[in-house]
Amino acid sequence: MPASARGRMGRGLRSRRDFVSESTLVADKYEVLLDSEHAVRAHELLRAMSG
């Protein structure tokens, strides 16, 4: 099938959605990877950011 035909078919399929679009994405948790020599300072910074 030519690429132009696939493109037209794809556009037709994309017009129907069965999901809700989200405008933002918020993480429940974060993982921080760093060298052990920076662990104490990183912990201090994260604690200061959380209030």
PDB file of N, CA and C in Angstrom:
ATOM      1  N   MET A   1       0.852  -1.178   0.000  1.00  0.00           N
ATOM      2  CA  MET A   1       0.000   0.000   0.000  1.00  0.00           C
ATOM      3  C   MET A   1       0.896   1.239   0.000  1.00  0.00           C
ATOM      4  N   PRO A   2       0.628   2.211  -0.853  1.00  0.00           N
ATOM      5  CA  PRO A   2       1.438   3.431  -0.894  1.00  0.00           C
ATOM      6  C   PRO A   2       1.315   4.220   0.412  1.00  0.00           C
ATOM      7  N   ALA A   3       2.367   4.952   0.724  1.00  0.00           N
ATOM      8  CA  ALA A   3       2.380   5.745   1.959  1.00  0.00           C
ATOM      9  C   ALA A   3       1.248   6.754   1.983  1.00  0.00           C
ATOM     10  N   SER A   4       0.913   7.332   0.828  1.00  0.00           N
ATOM     11  CA  SER A   4      -0.165   8.332   0.802  1.00  0.00           C
ATOM     12  C   SER A   4      -1.501   7.718   1.203  1.00  0.00           C
ATOM     13  N   ALA A   5      -1.749   6.480   0.796  1.00  0.00           N
ATOM     14  CA  ALA A   5      -2.993   5.801   1.170  1.00  0.00           C
ATOM     15  C   ALA A   5      -3.003   5.478   2.658  1.00  0.00           C
ATOM     16  N   ARG A   6      -1.868   5.042   3.181  1.00  0.00           N
ATOM     17  CA  ARG A   6      -1.792   4.757   4.628  1.00  0.00           C
ATOM     18  C   ARG A   6      -2.045   6.024   5.424  1.00  0.00           C
ATOM     19  N   GLY A   7      -1.504   7.142   4.959  1.00  0.00           N
ATOM     20  CA  GLY A   7      -1.704   8.417   5.647  1.00  0.00           C
ATOM     21  C   GLY A   7      -3.169   8.815   5.690  1.00  0.00           C
ATOM     22  N   ARG A   8      -3.862   8.648   4.570  1.00  0.00           N
ATOM     23  CA  ARG A   8      -5.293   8.976   4.533  1.00  0.00           C
ATOM     24  C   ARG A   8      -6.082   8.063   5.457  1.00  0.00           C
ATOM     25  N   MET A   9      -5.749   6.792   5.476  1.00  0.00           N
ATOM     26  CA  MET A   9      -6.447   5.854   6.358  1.00  0.00           C
ATOM     27  C   MET A   9      -6.198   6.204   7.815  1.00  0.00           C
ATOM     28  N   GLY A  10      -4.963   6.544   8.139  1.00  0.00           N
ATOM     29  CA  GLY A  10      -4.619   6.888   9.513  1.00  0.00           C
ATOM     30  C   GLY A  10      -5.362   8.110  10.006  1.00  0.00           C
ATOM     31  N   ARG A  11      -5.497   9.110   9.122  1.00  0.00           N
ATOM     32  CA  ARG A  11      -6.235  10.320   9.516  1.00  0.00           C
ATOM     33  C   ARG A  11      -7.681   9.980   9.836  1.00  0.00           C
ATOM     34  N   GLY A  12      -8.271   9.097   9.090  1.00  0.00           N
ATOM     35  CA  GLY A  12      -9.654   8.708   9.346  1.00  0.00           C
ATOM     36  C   GLY A  12      -9.808   7.992  10.679  1.00  0.00           C
ATOM     37  N   LEU A  13      -8.838   7.173  11.027  1.00  0.00           N
ATOM     38  CA  LEU A  13      -8.902   6.426  12.283  1.00  0.00           C
ATOM     39  C   LEU A  13      -8.652   7.316  13.488  1.00  0.00           C
ATOM     40  N   ARG A  14      -7.832   8.340  13.320  1.00  0.00           N
ATOM     41  CA  ARG A  14      -7.480   9.191  14.450  1.00  0.00           C
ATOM     42  C   ARG A  14      -8.618  10.115  14.882  1.00  0.00           C
ATOM     43  N   SER A  15      -9.633  10.280  14.061  1.00  0.00           N
ATOM     44  CA  SER A  15     -10.703  11.203  14.412  1.00  0.00           C
ATOM     45  C   SER A  15     -11.587  10.660  15.528  1.00  0.00           C
ATOM     46  N   ARG A  16     -11.600   9.360  15.735  1.00  0.00           N
ATOM     47  CA  ARG A  16     -12.394   8.759  16.805  1.00  0.00           C
ATOM     48  C   ARG A  16     -11.492   8.439  17.984  1.00  0.00           C
ATOM     49  N   ARG A  17     -11.836   8.953  19.140  1.00  0.00           N
ATOM     50  CA  ARG A  17     -11.044   8.693  20.343  1.00  0.00           C
ATOM     51  C   ARG A  17     -11.900   7.978  21.372  1.00  0.00           C
ATOM     52  N   ASP A  18     -11.309   7.042  22.067  1.00  0.00           N
ATOM     53  CA  ASP A  18     -12.016   6.374  23.154  1.00  0.00           C
ATOM     54  C   ASP A  18     -11.292   6.603  24.476  1.00  0.00           C
ATOM     55  N   PHE A  19     -10.629   7.734  24.599  1.00  0.00           N
ATOM     56  CA  PHE A  19      -9.932   8.084  25.827  1.00  0.00           C
ATOM     57  C   PHE A  19     -10.050   9.585  26.044  1.00  0.00           C
ATOM     58  N   VAL A  20      -9.746  10.018  27.261  1.00  0.00           N
ATOM     59  CA  VAL A  20      -9.800  11.430  27.609  1.00  0.00           C
ATOM     60  C   VAL A  20      -8.393  11.990  27.554  1.00  0.00           C
ATOM     61  N   SER A  21      -8.218  13.093  26.859  1.00  0.00           N
ATOM     62  CA  SER A  21      -6.905  13.734  26.784  1.00  0.00           C
ATOM     63  C   SER A  21      -6.597  14.440  28.091  1.00  0.00           C
ATOM     64  N   GLU A  22      -5.351  14.372  28.511  1.00  0.00           N
ATOM     65  CA  GLU A  22      -4.886  15.068  29.704  1.00  0.00           C
ATOM     66  C   GLU A  22      -3.978  16.198  29.267  1.00  0.00           C
ATOM     67  N   SER A  23      -4.174  17.385  29.836  1.00  0.00           N
ATOM     68  CA  SER A  23      -3.330  18.510  29.461  1.00  0.00           C
ATOM     69  C   SER A  23      -2.070  18.584  30.311  1.00  0.00           C
ATOM     70  N   THR A  24      -2.070  17.913  31.467  1.00  0.00           N
ATOM     71  CA  THR A  24      -0.879  17.905  32.319  1.00  0.00           C
ATOM     72  C   THR A  24      -0.614  16.493  32.813  1.00  0.00           C
ATOM     73  N   LEU A  25       0.623  16.268  33.192  1.00  0.00           N
ATOM     74  CA  LEU A  25       1.037  14.978  33.725  1.00  0.00           C
ATOM     75  C   LEU A  25       1.800  15.245  35.009  1.00  0.00           C
ATOM     76  N   VAL A  26       1.369  14.639  36.107  1.00  0.00           N
ATOM     77  CA  VAL A  26       1.999  14.851  37.406  1.00  0.00           C
ATOM     78  C   VAL A  26       2.447  13.499  37.954  1.00  0.00           C
ATOM     79  N   ALA A  27       3.698  13.409  38.334  1.00  0.00           N
ATOM     80  CA  ALA A  27       4.242  12.165  38.872  1.00  0.00           C
ATOM     81  C   ALA A  27       3.827  11.983  40.330  1.00  0.00           C
ATOM     82  N   ASP A  28       3.581  10.738  40.715  1.00  0.00           N
ATOM     83  CA  ASP A  28       3.287  10.427  42.114  1.00  0.00           C
ATOM     84  C   ASP A  28       4.562  10.368  42.934  1.00  0.00           C
ATOM     85  N   LYS A  29       5.652   9.981  42.279  1.00  0.00           N
ATOM     86  CA  LYS A  29       6.938   9.889  42.977  1.00  0.00           C
ATOM     87  C   LYS A  29       8.062  10.094  41.976  1.00  0.00           C
ATOM     88  N   TYR A  30       9.216  10.381  42.477  1.00  0.00           N
ATOM     89  CA  TYR A  30      10.415  10.560  41.663  1.00  0.00           C
ATOM     90  C   TYR A  30      11.520   9.686  42.224  1.00  0.00           C
ATOM     91  N   GLU A  31      12.377   9.216  41.374  1.00  0.00           N
ATOM     92  CA  GLU A  31      13.569   8.490  41.799  1.00  0.00           C
ATOM     93  C   GLU A  31      14.776   9.326  41.407  1.00  0.00           C
ATOM     94  N   VAL A  32      15.689   9.498  42.346  1.00  0.00           N
ATOM     95  CA  VAL A  32      16.882  10.302  42.113  1.00  0.00           C
ATOM     96  C   VAL A  32      18.091   9.377  42.156  1.00  0.00           C
ATOM     97  N   LEU A  33      18.859   9.373  41.088  1.00  0.00           N
ATOM     98  CA  LEU A  33      20.064   8.556  41.016  1.00  0.00           C
ATOM     99  C   LEU A  33      21.279   9.476  41.034  1.00  0.00           C
ATOM    100  N   LEU A  34      22.219   9.185  41.910  1.00  0.00           N
ATOM    101  CA  LEU A  34      23.426   9.995  42.006  1.00  0.00           C
ATOM    102  C   LEU A  34      24.540   9.181  42.644  1.00  0.00           C
ATOM    103  N   ASP A  35      25.744   9.704  42.547  1.00  0.00           N
ATOM    104  CA  ASP A  35      26.889   9.044  43.183  1.00  0.00           C
ATOM    105  C   ASP A  35      26.751   9.170  44.694  1.00  0.00           C
ATOM    106  N   SER A  36      27.199   8.161  45.415  1.00  0.00           N
ATOM    107  CA  SER A  36      27.045   8.139  46.875  1.00  0.00           C
ATOM    108  C   SER A  36      27.723   9.328  47.552  1.00  0.00           C
ATOM    109  N   GLU A  37      28.748   9.870  46.930  1.00  0.00           N
ATOM    110  CA  GLU A  37      29.439  11.014  47.538  1.00  0.00           C
ATOM    111  C   GLU A  37      28.549  12.260  47.615  1.00  0.00           C
ATOM    112  N   HIS A  38      27.445  12.288  46.848  1.00  0.00           N
ATOM    113  CA  HIS A  38      26.531  13.433  46.848  1.00  0.00           C
ATOM    114  C   HIS A  38      25.247  13.164  47.630  1.00  0.00           C
ATOM    115  N   ALA A  39      25.112  12.004  48.231  1.00  0.00           N
ATOM    116  CA  ALA A  39      23.862  11.596  48.871  1.00  0.00           C
ATOM    117  C   ALA A  39      23.449  12.517  50.017  1.00  0.00           C
ATOM    118  N   VAL A  40      24.379  12.879  50.882  1.00  0.00           N
ATOM    119  CA  VAL A  40      24.037  13.716  52.043  1.00  0.00           C
ATOM    120  C   VAL A  40      23.526  15.071  51.578  1.00  0.00           C
ATOM    121  N   ARG A  41      24.224  15.689  50.634  1.00  0.00           N
ATOM    122  CA  ARG A  41      23.812  17.014  50.134  1.00  0.00           C
ATOM    123  C   ARG A  41      22.476  16.918  49.405  1.00  0.00           C
ATOM    124  N   ALA A  42      22.281  15.887  48.630  1.00  0.00           N
ATOM    125  CA  ALA A  42      21.024  15.703  47.916  1.00  0.00           C
ATOM    126  C   ALA A  42      19.862  15.553  48.907  1.00  0.00           C
ATOM    127  N   HIS A  43      20.078  14.785  49.952  1.00  0.00           N
ATOM    128  CA  HIS A  43      19.047  14.600  50.974  1.00  0.00           C
ATOM    129  C   HIS A  43      18.714  15.945  51.623  1.00  0.00           C
ATOM    130  N   GLU A  44      19.702  16.746  51.902  1.00  0.00           N
ATOM    131  CA  GLU A  44      19.487  18.061  52.500  1.00  0.00           C
ATOM    132  C   GLU A  44      18.662  18.957  51.560  1.00  0.00           C
ATOM    133  N   LEU A  45      19.018  18.950  50.297  1.00  0.00           N
ATOM    134  CA  LEU A  45      18.302  19.774  49.324  1.00  0.00           C
ATOM    135  C   LEU A  45      16.846  19.351  49.182  1.00  0.00           C
ATOM    136  N   LEU A  46      16.627  18.040  49.112  1.00  0.00           N
ATOM    137  CA  LEU A  46      15.251  17.546  48.983  1.00  0.00           C
ATOM    138  C   LEU A  46      14.425  17.852  50.223  1.00  0.00           C
ATOM    139  N   ARG A  47      15.034  17.733  51.383  1.00  0.00           N
ATOM    140  CA  ARG A  47      14.324  18.036  52.619  1.00  0.00           C
ATOM    141  C   ARG A  47      13.965  19.519  52.671  1.00  0.00           C
ATOM    142  N   ALA A  48      14.864  20.396  52.223  1.00  0.00           N
ATOM    143  CA  ALA A  48      14.604  21.831  52.223  1.00  0.00           C
ATOM    144  C   ALA A  48      13.488  22.197  51.238  1.00  0.00           C
ATOM    145  N   MET A  49      13.397  21.469  50.129  1.00  0.00           N
ATOM    146  CA  MET A  49      12.364  21.747  49.133  1.00  0.00           C
ATOM    147  C   MET A  49      10.982  21.335  49.620  1.00  0.00           C
ATOM    148  N   SER A  50      10.900  20.299  50.446  1.00  0.00           N
ATOM    149  CA  SER A  50       9.597  19.793  50.877  1.00  0.00           C
ATOM    150  C   SER A  50       9.003  20.611  52.002  1.00  0.00           C
ATOM    151  N   GLY A  51       9.751  21.546  52.521  1.00  0.00           N
ATOM    152  CA  GLY A  51       9.194  22.462  53.512  1.00  0.00           C
ATOM    153  C   GLY A  51       9.590  22.131  54.847  1.00  0.00           C
TER     154      GLY A  51
END
